Amino acid sequence: MASWRSQRRLASALMVLGLVCMAVGILLPLVLKSMLEAGVREAVVWKNDSPPDVDARYRGDTLTNGTQHFLEVWLFNVTNVDEIRNGSKPKLQEVGPFTYRKFKIKVHAWWDREGDVLVKEWDYFVPVPGLVGQPDPTSAMVTTLNMALVGVVETIRATFTPTYAAWLEKMAVWLARWSDGHIDGLFMTRSAHELVWGYEDPFLVRLSGLLPRGSVRQTRIELLHNASSPEEVLREEPLVVYHTGEYNLTQTWETVRYGGETQAVCWNGCVEQVRGTDGTQFHPGVATDDTLPVWVPKLFRALDFVRREDVEWLGARFHRFSPDKRQYDVDACHFQTLTGLMNITAPIASGMNGSAANASGPPVYVSRPHFCGCDASLSEGVDGLSCDEGRHTTWLDVEPLTGITMRAHISQMISSEITPMARDFFEPKMAKTNNLSTILPIFWFEENAAGGEDAVRGFRDKVYPVLSLKRLVSRYVLAAGVSMCGCALVLIILQRMPTGDAVDDESLLGGSSAGGTPRNRDPAAAAAPAL
């Protein structure tokens, strides 16, 4: 009897404890999930009353969030101009790197009632002096293609079709008479600092007064622009509208409008919708099979990023995304006639809402550095390039729970072209020895950005224990609760089943042993023969 009572108490205890564990295993993960979602929402939705660290991350306040963002630039020096005119391939020599710290500041943020934020973006660069092996950009001289002059030639050809030859002949005469030590036919020699950050070209200034109006669109030449002040940004930079994700987290930091436009119509009979984020933030809950679009204003299109691998940094885990290689295939819509070479000549000339048919200017091509992944004819057309697949690439390390990009490596090369028209009028000797247009690399750059290490460790230490607890509870505590309830049910069933002792007791009370006559049976029936 005592054993039966103890088993009953044990079954009751197991049942209660099992039910508690099941409740904890079901409810606690839901509570933890709700807490994580609330924390993620607070961390990724930018509002005018966001916490200081969130506000600093979006505004670009690197002093607060500890983000490090650097830009390195390499220029290609053409070392054999005279040989090129005699039919040889251009020989290129890398000059650099020239290292700058990049700052990307949101200026004049304004929130509307639809959950969008309107901003202007200020990109500026500060030199990082004194690095070992880095040349002085003010004294490093580089000979390269005069893209601005090629652009003037192409503009005259497209704009003044009936009389372009006469104007180009005059330009050739003026160029032959011009001598300031910088210009040599279609080539020029300038310091690296001038080429990267700009200079006022005296020859273009003179041409602007001699050629028809509109032939010379600008006289200041620069490969990269360094905005001087917030006032300049407010005056000249386009207004960008982003979804904050306040009403729909799946749209977090999606670009709504760029410069007032929702699409780019400057392509070859196709339209590019403004879509994707700026690459610093994606929707929370990024999955391994997601495609992440990034709106790239300088390319006038969005690039789709796909996951390549998973990586770990400072104990935190990330999905590494890279551009989908299919976007570099030959594509008539985007004027891509060679694999790996993006042609943005027409969009730059016409703008997002302009017509590609009427666009003219210097040819501008974007590719991976050293023509990595490009049509073989491009690298074969010049000497001095060497593709490094590991380095000459682009990737984003995205934290999947929040969708925040914690690290980024962006690598691109800008090239131009010695066009047939420019060659015929300004390099006649080259025209006789070489009938092929030459795609000529101008410079390439590498951007490296990383979130503050303290922020990454803080995220890891705050979030990962909660995720581990959630997994532990949902897997093991729930399973333990189910097991205990199962054991309790088994004990209860066993208690209700008759045991061997109970059967013997019943036999003793209800009848005799073998050969005896049960006391309640009819003696006549007992004596009847078996049927």
Protein backbone atom coordinates (compact mmCIF):
# COMPACT_ATOMS: atom_id res chain seq x y z
CA MET A 1 0.00 0.00 0.00
CA ALA A 2 2.87 2.36 0.87
CA SER A 3 4.53 1.62 -2.48
CA TRP A 4 1.29 2.40 -4.32
CA ARG A 5 0.94 5.73 -2.55
CA SER A 6 4.57 6.75 -3.25
CA GLN A 7 4.14 5.91 -6.92
CA ARG A 8 1.01 7.99 -7.01
CA ARG A 9 2.81 10.96 -5.44
CA LEU A 10 5.70 10.52 -7.89
CA ALA A 11 3.31 10.43 -10.86
CA SER A 12 1.58 13.59 -9.64
CA ALA A 13 4.91 15.38 -9.15
CA LEU A 14 6.17 14.35 -12.57
CA MET A 15 2.93 15.48 -14.20
CA VAL A 16 3.01 18.90 -12.52
CA LEU A 17 6.69 19.42 -13.22
CA GLY A 18 6.27 18.23 -16.80
CA LEU A 19 3.37 20.60 -17.41
CA VAL A 20 5.42 23.48 -15.97
CA CYS A 21 8.37 22.60 -18.21
CA MET A 22 6.09 22.38 -21.24
CA ALA A 23 4.58 25.77 -20.42
CA VAL A 24 8.05 27.27 -20.00
CA GLY A 25 9.26 25.57 -23.18
CA ILE A 26 6.37 27.01 -25.15
CA LEU A 27 5.86 30.44 -23.57
CA LEU A 28 9.42 31.55 -22.70
CA PRO A 29 10.71 31.30 -26.32
CA LEU A 30 7.73 33.40 -27.38
CA VAL A 31 8.57 35.99 -24.73
CA LEU A 32 12.25 35.98 -25.71
CA LYS A 33 11.32 36.24 -29.39
CA SER A 34 9.09 39.22 -28.64
CA MET A 35 11.89 40.88 -26.66
CA LEU A 36 14.38 40.29 -29.51
CA GLU A 37 11.96 41.65 -32.11
CA ALA A 38 11.38 44.75 -30.00
CA GLY A 39 15.12 45.24 -29.60
CA VAL A 40 15.75 44.72 -33.31
CA ARG A 41 12.99 47.16 -34.22
CA GLU A 42 14.50 49.78 -31.95
CA ALA A 43 17.96 49.16 -33.42
CA VAL A 44 17.04 49.33 -37.14
CA VAL A 45 14.10 51.75 -37.40
CA TRP A 46 15.47 55.31 -37.55
CA LYS A 47 13.11 57.84 -36.00
CA ASN A 48 13.57 61.37 -34.75
CA ASP A 49 13.55 59.98 -31.18
CA SER A 50 15.76 56.92 -31.78
CA PRO A 51 18.38 56.03 -29.14
CA PRO A 52 21.66 57.94 -29.55
CA ASP A 53 23.61 54.95 -30.88
CA VAL A 54 20.97 54.22 -33.55
CA ASP A 55 20.77 57.88 -34.54
CA ALA A 56 24.58 58.10 -34.76
CA ARG A 57 24.80 55.00 -36.97
CA TYR A 58 22.34 56.33 -39.51
CA ARG A 59 23.63 59.89 -39.46
CA GLY A 60 27.21 58.73 -39.94
CA ASP A 61 28.51 60.04 -36.61
CA THR A 62 31.68 57.94 -36.52
CA LEU A 63 32.89 59.54 -33.28
CA THR A 64 29.90 57.98 -31.50
CA ASN A 65 29.53 54.61 -33.26
CA GLY A 66 33.23 53.92 -33.87
CA THR A 67 32.84 53.02 -37.56
CA GLN A 68 36.06 53.03 -39.60
CA HIS A 69 35.75 53.77 -43.33
CA PHE A 70 38.79 54.10 -45.60
CA LEU A 71 39.29 54.70 -49.32
CA GLU A 72 42.44 53.71 -51.21
CA VAL A 73 43.05 54.90 -54.76
CA TRP A 74 45.48 53.63 -57.41
CA LEU A 75 46.05 55.50 -60.69
CA PHE A 76 47.32 53.93 -63.90
CA ASN A 77 50.31 55.70 -65.40
CA VAL A 78 50.74 55.22 -69.18
CA THR A 79 54.48 54.78 -69.69
CA ASN A 80 54.74 54.43 -73.49
CA VAL A 81 52.73 57.17 -75.23
CA ASP A 82 55.09 57.36 -78.22
CA GLU A 83 55.04 53.58 -78.66
CA ILE A 84 51.24 53.58 -78.55
CA ARG A 85 51.26 55.98 -81.48
CA ASN A 86 53.41 53.50 -83.35
CA GLY A 87 50.93 50.68 -82.79
CA SER A 88 52.04 49.18 -79.45
CA LYS A 89 49.71 48.26 -76.61
CA PRO A 90 49.53 50.71 -73.71
CA LYS A 91 51.84 49.81 -70.84
CA LEU A 92 50.37 50.64 -67.45
CA GLN A 93 52.08 51.23 -64.14
CA GLU A 94 50.11 51.40 -60.90
CA VAL A 95 50.75 54.53 -58.84
CA GLY A 96 49.50 54.47 -55.25
CA PRO A 97 47.86 53.72 -52.99
CA PHE A 98 46.64 57.10 -51.83
CA THR A 99 44.70 56.58 -48.62
CA TYR A 100 41.84 58.69 -47.31
CA ARG A 101 39.38 58.36 -44.49
CA LYS A 102 35.82 58.57 -45.76
CA PHE A 103 32.93 60.21 -43.93
CA LYS A 104 29.33 59.77 -45.05
CA ILE A 105 27.03 62.17 -43.21
CA LYS A 106 23.25 62.47 -43.44
CA VAL A 107 22.38 66.15 -43.69
CA HIS A 108 18.99 67.72 -42.94
CA ALA A 109 17.05 64.56 -42.03
CA TRP A 110 13.28 65.01 -42.08
CA TRP A 111 10.62 62.39 -41.27
CA ASP A 112 7.18 62.32 -42.86
CA ARG A 113 3.97 60.67 -41.64
CA GLU A 114 4.31 57.69 -43.97
CA GLY A 115 7.33 56.23 -42.22
CA ASP A 116 9.89 57.68 -44.66
CA VAL A 117 12.92 59.86 -43.99
CA LEU A 118 14.26 62.47 -46.42
CA VAL A 119 17.99 63.21 -46.33
CA LYS A 120 20.87 64.67 -48.27
CA GLU A 121 24.16 62.81 -48.08
CA TRP A 122 27.54 64.42 -47.61
CA ASP A 123 30.55 62.35 -48.66
CA TYR A 124 33.93 63.83 -47.87
CA PHE A 125 37.46 62.48 -47.59
CA VAL A 126 40.41 63.33 -45.37
CA PRO A 127 43.97 62.27 -46.32
CA VAL A 128 45.72 59.77 -44.07
CA PRO A 129 49.35 60.98 -44.21
CA GLY A 130 52.53 59.26 -43.18
CA LEU A 131 51.67 55.71 -44.21
CA VAL A 132 54.70 53.58 -45.06
CA GLY A 133 55.14 53.10 -48.80
CA GLN A 134 52.52 55.66 -49.76
CA PRO A 135 53.69 58.22 -52.34
CA ASP A 136 53.02 61.91 -52.01
CA PRO A 137 49.95 62.62 -54.20
CA THR A 138 51.02 66.19 -54.84
CA SER A 139 54.33 65.15 -56.40
CA ALA A 140 53.47 61.78 -57.98
CA MET A 141 52.98 62.56 -61.69
CA VAL A 142 50.67 60.39 -63.79
CA THR A 143 50.18 60.27 -67.56
CA THR A 144 46.70 59.19 -68.54
CA LEU A 145 43.99 59.61 -71.14
CA ASN A 146 42.46 63.09 -71.31
CA MET A 147 38.88 61.99 -70.75
CA ALA A 148 37.55 65.54 -70.75
CA LEU A 149 39.01 66.23 -74.20
CA VAL A 150 37.56 62.96 -75.54
CA GLY A 151 34.24 64.02 -74.05
CA VAL A 152 34.32 67.36 -75.91
CA VAL A 153 35.03 65.53 -79.16
CA GLU A 154 32.10 63.16 -78.67
CA THR A 155 29.78 66.02 -77.69
CA ILE A 156 30.63 67.97 -80.85
CA ARG A 157 30.19 64.85 -82.98
CA ALA A 158 26.72 64.18 -81.54
CA THR A 159 25.52 67.79 -81.31
CA PHE A 160 26.81 69.39 -84.49
CA THR A 161 26.46 66.50 -86.90
CA PRO A 162 26.63 68.43 -90.20
CA THR A 163 29.61 70.57 -89.21
CA TYR A 164 31.38 68.51 -86.56
CA ALA A 165 34.41 67.82 -88.78
CA ALA A 166 35.14 71.52 -89.21
CA TRP A 167 34.94 72.15 -85.50
CA LEU A 168 37.16 69.18 -84.69
CA GLU A 169 39.75 70.32 -87.21
CA LYS A 170 39.83 73.70 -85.51
CA MET A 171 40.19 72.03 -82.12
CA ALA A 172 43.12 69.98 -83.42
CA VAL A 173 44.86 73.15 -84.61
CA TRP A 174 44.24 74.89 -81.30
CA LEU A 175 45.50 71.86 -79.40
CA ALA A 176 48.70 71.71 -81.50
CA ARG A 177 49.39 75.34 -80.65
CA TRP A 178 48.58 74.91 -76.97
CA SER A 179 51.43 74.07 -74.69
CA ASP A 180 51.37 74.22 -70.91
CA GLY A 181 53.44 71.11 -70.22
CA HIS A 182 50.39 69.00 -69.36
CA ILE A 183 48.67 68.07 -72.63
CA ASP A 184 50.13 65.76 -75.26
CA GLY A 185 47.53 64.87 -77.90
CA LEU A 186 44.85 62.77 -76.23
CA PHE A 187 47.06 62.24 -73.18
CA MET A 188 47.88 64.51 -70.27
CA THR A 189 50.22 64.49 -67.30
CA ARG A 190 49.08 65.75 -63.92
CA SER A 191 49.79 65.09 -60.26
CA ALA A 192 47.82 62.33 -58.60
CA HIS A 193 46.18 64.87 -56.30
CA GLU A 194 44.96 66.95 -59.24
CA LEU A 195 43.61 63.95 -61.10
CA VAL A 196 41.74 62.53 -58.12
CA TRP A 197 40.32 65.67 -56.50
CA GLY A 198 40.19 68.03 -59.46
CA TYR A 199 41.75 71.00 -61.19
CA GLU A 200 40.64 73.79 -63.49
CA ASP A 201 41.74 72.88 -67.00
CA PRO A 202 43.01 76.02 -68.81
CA PHE A 203 42.66 74.44 -72.26
CA LEU A 204 39.01 73.59 -71.62
CA VAL A 205 38.45 77.09 -70.29
CA ARG A 206 39.79 78.44 -73.58
CA LEU A 207 37.74 75.99 -75.64
CA SER A 208 34.57 77.00 -73.79
CA GLY A 209 35.00 80.49 -75.21
CA LEU A 210 35.75 79.33 -78.76
CA LEU A 211 33.37 76.42 -79.34
CA PRO A 212 29.57 76.63 -79.63
CA ARG A 213 27.76 76.97 -76.34
CA GLY A 214 27.28 73.64 -74.57
CA SER A 215 30.24 71.91 -76.22
CA VAL A 216 32.31 72.16 -73.03
CA ARG A 217 30.04 71.18 -70.15
CA GLN A 218 32.57 71.74 -67.41
CA THR A 219 36.09 73.05 -67.11
CA ARG A 220 36.89 71.56 -63.71
CA ILE A 221 38.06 67.96 -64.03
CA GLU A 222 37.98 65.46 -61.13
CA LEU A 223 37.79 61.71 -60.77
CA LEU A 224 36.23 61.88 -57.29
CA HIS A 225 34.26 64.67 -55.69
CA ASN A 226 35.02 65.95 -52.20
CA ALA A 227 32.09 68.06 -51.01
CA SER A 228 33.38 71.06 -49.11
CA SER A 229 30.54 71.84 -46.69
CA PRO A 230 26.99 70.99 -45.60
CA GLU A 231 25.85 74.13 -47.42
CA GLU A 232 27.24 72.79 -50.70
CA VAL A 233 25.49 69.47 -50.06
CA LEU A 234 22.14 71.15 -49.39
CA ARG A 235 22.55 73.24 -52.52
CA GLU A 236 23.81 70.63 -55.00
CA GLU A 237 23.28 67.06 -53.83
CA PRO A 238 20.10 65.10 -54.70
CA LEU A 239 17.42 64.47 -52.10
CA VAL A 240 17.14 60.79 -51.13
CA VAL A 241 14.02 59.22 -49.58
CA TYR A 242 14.25 55.99 -47.57
CA HIS A 243 11.65 53.76 -45.92
CA THR A 244 12.49 53.63 -42.21
CA GLY A 245 10.63 50.34 -41.74
CA GLU A 246 8.45 51.88 -39.04
CA TYR A 247 5.28 50.38 -40.51
CA ASN A 248 6.83 47.44 -42.35
CA LEU A 249 10.17 45.98 -41.26
CA THR A 250 10.57 44.15 -44.57
CA GLN A 251 11.03 47.57 -46.22
CA THR A 252 13.69 48.79 -43.79
CA TRP A 253 15.99 51.34 -45.43
CA GLU A 254 14.61 50.70 -48.94
CA THR A 255 15.30 53.60 -51.31
CA VAL A 256 12.01 55.20 -52.35
CA ARG A 257 13.19 58.10 -54.51
CA TYR A 258 16.58 59.37 -55.60
CA GLY A 259 16.79 62.99 -56.69
CA GLY A 260 13.02 63.06 -56.97
CA GLU A 261 12.99 60.10 -59.38
CA THR A 262 11.54 56.62 -58.83
CA GLN A 263 13.13 55.16 -61.96
CA ALA A 264 16.03 55.67 -64.37
CA VAL A 265 14.95 55.93 -68.03
CA CYS A 266 18.42 56.68 -69.35
CA TRP A 267 19.06 53.14 -70.57
CA ASN A 268 18.72 51.43 -73.93
CA GLY A 269 14.96 50.99 -74.18
CA CYS A 270 14.52 49.69 -70.64
CA VAL A 271 13.74 51.23 -67.28
CA GLU A 272 15.57 50.73 -63.98
CA GLN A 273 13.35 51.11 -60.94
CA VAL A 274 14.86 52.81 -57.91
CA ARG A 275 15.03 49.93 -55.43
CA GLY A 276 17.20 48.44 -52.73
CA THR A 277 19.04 49.97 -49.79
CA ASP A 278 22.33 51.86 -49.74
CA GLY A 279 24.09 48.67 -48.59
CA THR A 280 24.49 49.66 -44.94
CA GLN A 281 21.18 48.21 -43.73
CA PHE A 282 18.79 45.52 -44.99
CA HIS A 283 15.56 44.07 -43.65
CA PRO A 284 15.87 42.15 -40.35
CA GLY A 285 15.90 38.39 -40.58
CA VAL A 286 18.14 38.03 -43.64
CA ALA A 287 18.06 34.43 -44.89
CA THR A 288 20.78 32.56 -46.74
CA ASP A 289 18.71 32.36 -49.92
CA ASP A 290 17.74 36.06 -49.94
CA THR A 291 18.73 38.38 -52.77
CA LEU A 292 19.65 41.82 -51.42
CA PRO A 293 19.32 44.73 -53.88
CA VAL A 294 21.59 47.77 -53.42
CA TRP A 295 20.81 51.04 -55.18
CA VAL A 296 24.08 52.42 -56.64
CA PRO A 297 23.49 56.03 -57.75
CA LYS A 298 26.75 56.30 -59.69
CA LEU A 299 25.71 53.26 -61.76
CA PHE A 300 22.12 54.52 -62.21
CA ARG A 301 20.85 51.07 -61.28
CA ALA A 302 20.51 48.54 -58.47
CA LEU A 303 22.90 45.63 -58.06
CA ASP A 304 21.62 42.36 -56.62
CA PHE A 305 23.78 40.72 -53.96
CA VAL A 306 23.64 37.00 -53.20
CA ARG A 307 25.14 35.03 -50.33
CA ARG A 308 28.54 33.44 -51.00
CA GLU A 309 29.55 32.12 -47.58
CA ASP A 310 29.23 32.57 -43.83
CA VAL A 311 32.03 34.27 -41.89
CA GLU A 312 32.81 35.10 -38.28
CA TRP A 313 34.33 38.27 -36.86
CA LEU A 314 34.91 39.10 -33.19
CA GLY A 315 32.81 36.08 -32.26
CA ALA A 316 29.79 37.27 -34.25
CA ARG A 317 28.44 35.43 -37.30
CA PHE A 318 27.61 37.04 -40.65
CA HIS A 319 26.31 36.16 -44.11
CA ARG A 320 28.76 37.40 -46.77
CA PHE A 321 26.99 38.74 -49.86
CA SER A 322 28.59 39.59 -53.23
CA PRO A 323 27.16 40.97 -56.49
CA ASP A 324 25.38 38.39 -58.61
CA LYS A 325 27.79 37.57 -61.44
CA ARG A 326 24.96 37.37 -63.96
CA GLN A 327 24.68 41.16 -63.85
CA TYR A 328 28.03 41.40 -65.63
CA ASP A 329 26.91 39.39 -68.65
CA VAL A 330 26.43 40.98 -72.07
CA ASP A 331 23.28 43.06 -71.78
CA ALA A 332 21.87 45.29 -74.54
CA CYS A 333 19.56 47.08 -72.10
CA HIS A 334 22.55 48.44 -70.13
CA PHE A 335 24.87 48.92 -73.14
CA GLN A 336 27.07 46.04 -71.95
CA THR A 337 28.74 44.61 -75.05
CA LEU A 338 31.60 42.87 -73.25
CA THR A 339 31.35 40.55 -70.26
CA GLY A 340 32.23 42.29 -67.01
CA LEU A 341 32.25 45.83 -68.42
CA MET A 342 29.43 48.11 -67.27
CA ASN A 343 28.90 51.04 -69.63
CA ILE A 344 27.53 54.16 -67.91
CA THR A 345 28.46 56.65 -70.66
CA ALA A 346 24.89 57.52 -71.67
CA PRO A 347 23.43 57.70 -68.13
CA ILE A 348 26.19 60.05 -66.98
CA ALA A 349 25.63 62.30 -70.00
CA SER A 350 21.83 62.35 -69.86
CA GLY A 351 21.01 61.90 -66.17
CA MET A 352 18.41 59.55 -64.70
CA ASN A 353 15.45 61.01 -66.57
CA GLY A 354 17.29 61.80 -69.82
CA SER A 355 17.30 60.06 -73.16
CA ALA A 356 20.18 57.76 -74.01
CA ALA A 357 19.65 58.49 -77.70
CA ASN A 358 20.75 62.12 -77.30
CA ALA A 359 23.50 61.48 -74.76
CA SER A 360 27.15 62.20 -75.50
CA GLY A 361 30.31 62.51 -73.49
CA PRO A 362 33.50 60.69 -72.58
CA PRO A 363 33.14 56.90 -72.49
CA VAL A 364 32.98 55.68 -68.89
CA TYR A 365 33.16 52.00 -67.97
CA VAL A 366 32.98 50.30 -64.58
CA SER A 367 34.43 46.87 -63.85
CA ARG A 368 36.30 44.91 -61.25
CA PRO A 369 39.92 46.07 -60.88
CA HIS A 370 42.44 44.83 -63.43
CA PHE A 371 39.51 43.53 -65.55
CA CYS A 372 38.93 40.58 -63.19
CA GLY A 373 36.08 38.46 -64.50
CA CYS A 374 35.91 40.45 -67.74
CA ASP A 375 36.15 39.47 -71.38
CA ALA A 376 39.73 38.37 -72.07
CA SER A 377 40.14 40.93 -74.87
CA LEU A 378 40.14 43.75 -72.31
CA SER A 379 43.19 42.59 -70.36
CA GLU A 380 44.90 41.48 -73.57
CA GLY A 381 44.57 45.00 -74.96
CA VAL A 382 46.97 46.49 -72.39
CA ASP A 383 50.09 45.45 -70.49
CA GLY A 384 50.58 45.77 -66.75
CA LEU A 385 47.38 44.30 -65.29
CA SER A 386 47.23 41.38 -62.87
CA CYS A 387 43.88 40.15 -61.51
CA ASP A 388 43.73 39.12 -57.86
CA GLU A 389 40.44 37.24 -57.42
CA GLY A 390 40.55 37.44 -53.64
CA ARG A 391 41.23 41.15 -53.42
CA HIS A 392 39.63 42.64 -56.55
CA THR A 393 36.10 41.88 -55.48
CA THR A 394 33.17 43.32 -53.52
CA TRP A 395 31.41 41.86 -50.50
CA LEU A 396 29.16 42.85 -47.61
CA ASP A 397 29.10 41.07 -44.24
CA VAL A 398 25.48 41.25 -43.06
CA GLU A 399 24.37 40.34 -39.54
CA PRO A 400 21.26 38.24 -40.28
CA LEU A 401 19.13 39.03 -37.21
CA THR A 402 19.24 42.82 -37.62
CA GLY A 403 20.14 43.12 -41.32
CA ILE A 404 22.97 45.54 -40.43
CA THR A 405 26.10 45.47 -42.60
CA MET A 406 28.97 45.27 -40.11
CA ARG A 407 31.83 45.08 -42.65
CA ALA A 408 32.19 45.93 -46.33
CA HIS A 409 34.85 45.67 -49.01
CA ILE A 410 34.11 47.51 -52.27
CA SER A 411 36.50 47.33 -55.19
CA GLN A 412 35.92 48.92 -58.61
CA MET A 413 37.86 50.21 -61.60
CA ILE A 414 36.99 53.10 -63.90
CA SER A 415 38.10 52.97 -67.53
CA SER A 416 37.60 55.11 -70.62
CA GLU A 417 38.19 54.70 -74.33
CA ILE A 418 40.25 56.20 -77.13
CA THR A 419 37.29 56.66 -79.46
CA PRO A 420 37.74 56.45 -83.26
CA MET A 421 36.70 60.10 -83.72
CA ALA A 422 39.10 61.44 -81.10
CA ARG A 423 41.90 59.25 -82.43
CA ASP A 424 41.38 60.34 -86.06
CA PHE A 425 41.53 64.07 -85.31
CA PHE A 426 43.95 64.29 -82.37
CA GLU A 427 46.18 61.24 -82.82
CA PRO A 428 46.48 60.86 -86.62
CA LYS A 429 49.60 58.73 -86.36
CA MET A 430 47.82 56.32 -84.05
CA ALA A 431 44.91 56.20 -86.47
CA LYS A 432 47.19 54.92 -89.22
CA THR A 433 48.77 52.20 -87.09
CA ASN A 434 45.82 51.00 -85.05
CA ASN A 435 42.23 50.76 -86.22
CA LEU A 436 40.93 49.33 -82.93
CA SER A 437 39.43 51.32 -80.08
CA THR A 438 41.31 50.80 -76.83
CA ILE A 439 39.59 50.51 -73.44
CA LEU A 440 42.09 52.16 -71.14
CA PRO A 441 41.96 51.78 -67.32
CA ILE A 442 42.18 55.16 -65.55
CA PHE A 443 42.10 54.30 -61.84
CA TRP A 444 40.72 51.82 -59.35
CA PHE A 445 39.73 52.15 -55.74
CA GLU A 446 39.11 50.02 -52.69
CA GLU A 447 36.75 50.93 -49.85
CA ASN A 448 36.93 49.15 -46.51
CA ALA A 449 34.38 49.84 -43.81
CA ALA A 450 33.86 48.16 -40.44
CA GLY A 451 31.56 48.82 -37.52
CA GLY A 452 33.00 49.70 -34.16
CA GLU A 453 34.52 46.63 -32.50
CA ASP A 454 32.98 47.56 -29.15
CA ALA A 455 29.55 47.70 -30.81
CA VAL A 456 30.06 44.27 -32.40
CA ARG A 457 31.18 42.73 -29.10
CA GLY A 458 28.31 44.43 -27.28
CA PHE A 459 25.83 43.01 -29.77
CA ARG A 460 27.37 39.55 -29.44
CA ASP A 461 27.34 39.61 -25.63
CA LYS A 462 23.80 40.94 -25.43
CA VAL A 463 22.03 38.96 -28.16
CA TYR A 464 23.79 35.61 -28.41
CA PRO A 465 23.04 34.53 -24.79
CA VAL A 466 19.35 35.27 -25.40
CA LEU A 467 19.40 33.26 -28.63
CA SER A 468 21.16 30.37 -26.85
CA LEU A 469 18.62 30.44 -24.02
CA LYS A 470 15.77 30.49 -26.52
CA ARG A 471 17.17 27.45 -28.35
CA LEU A 472 17.87 25.63 -25.06
CA VAL A 473 14.39 26.21 -23.72
CA SER A 474 12.53 25.43 -26.93
CA ARG A 475 14.51 22.24 -27.55
CA TYR A 476 15.41 20.70 -24.21
CA VAL A 477 13.07 22.13 -21.57
CA LEU A 478 10.04 21.40 -23.74
CA ALA A 479 11.36 17.91 -24.48
CA ALA A 480 12.02 17.31 -20.77
CA GLY A 481 8.47 18.43 -19.94
CA VAL A 482 6.98 16.07 -22.51
CA SER A 483 9.15 13.22 -21.17
CA MET A 484 8.11 13.83 -17.56
CA CYS A 485 4.44 13.96 -18.47
CA GLY A 486 4.90 10.73 -20.41
CA CYS A 487 6.53 9.04 -17.41
CA ALA A 488 3.70 10.24 -15.17
CA LEU A 489 1.11 8.76 -17.51
CA VAL A 490 2.96 5.44 -17.55
CA LEU A 491 2.96 5.33 -13.76
CA ILE A 492 -0.74 6.11 -13.63
CA ILE A 493 -1.52 3.36 -16.15
CA LEU A 494 0.60 0.88 -14.24
CA GLN A 495 -1.21 1.75 -11.03
CA ARG A 496 -4.55 0.94 -12.63
CA MET A 497 -3.42 -2.44 -13.98
CA PRO A 498 -3.87 -5.54 -11.67
CA THR A 499 -0.59 -6.87 -10.39
CA GLY A 500 0.41 -10.54 -9.91
CA ASP A 501 -0.25 -10.38 -6.12
CA ALA A 502 -3.69 -8.95 -6.68
CA VAL A 503 -4.57 -11.83 -9.01
CA ASP A 504 -3.41 -14.44 -6.44
CA ASP A 505 -5.42 -12.77 -3.71
CA GLU A 506 -8.51 -12.86 -5.88
CA SER A 507 -7.96 -16.57 -6.62
CA LEU A 508 -7.70 -17.34 -2.94
CA LEU A 509 -10.86 -15.47 -2.16
CA GLY A 510 -12.89 -16.60 -5.14
CA GLY A 511 -11.95 -20.34 -5.67
CA SER A 512 -9.62 -23.26 -4.92
CA SER A 513 -6.37 -24.26 -6.45
CA ALA A 514 -6.05 -26.72 -9.29
CA GLY A 515 -8.22 -29.76 -8.77
CA GLY A 516 -10.48 -27.99 -6.27
CA THR A 517 -14.05 -26.90 -6.78
CA PRO A 518 -14.82 -23.18 -6.80
CA ARG A 519 -17.05 -22.38 -3.88
CA ASN A 520 -19.65 -20.55 -5.96
CA ARG A 521 -19.85 -23.00 -8.80
CA ASP A 522 -22.63 -25.53 -9.30
CA PRO A 523 -21.26 -29.05 -8.33
CA ALA A 524 -23.21 -30.58 -11.17
CA ALA A 525 -21.62 -28.23 -13.61
CA ALA A 526 -18.24 -29.08 -12.20
CA ALA A 527 -18.91 -32.79 -12.74
CA ALA A 528 -20.13 -32.30 -16.33
CA PRO A 529 -17.78 -33.47 -18.98
CA ALA A 530 -15.88 -30.88 -20.92
CA LEU A 531 -17.36 -30.03 -24.27
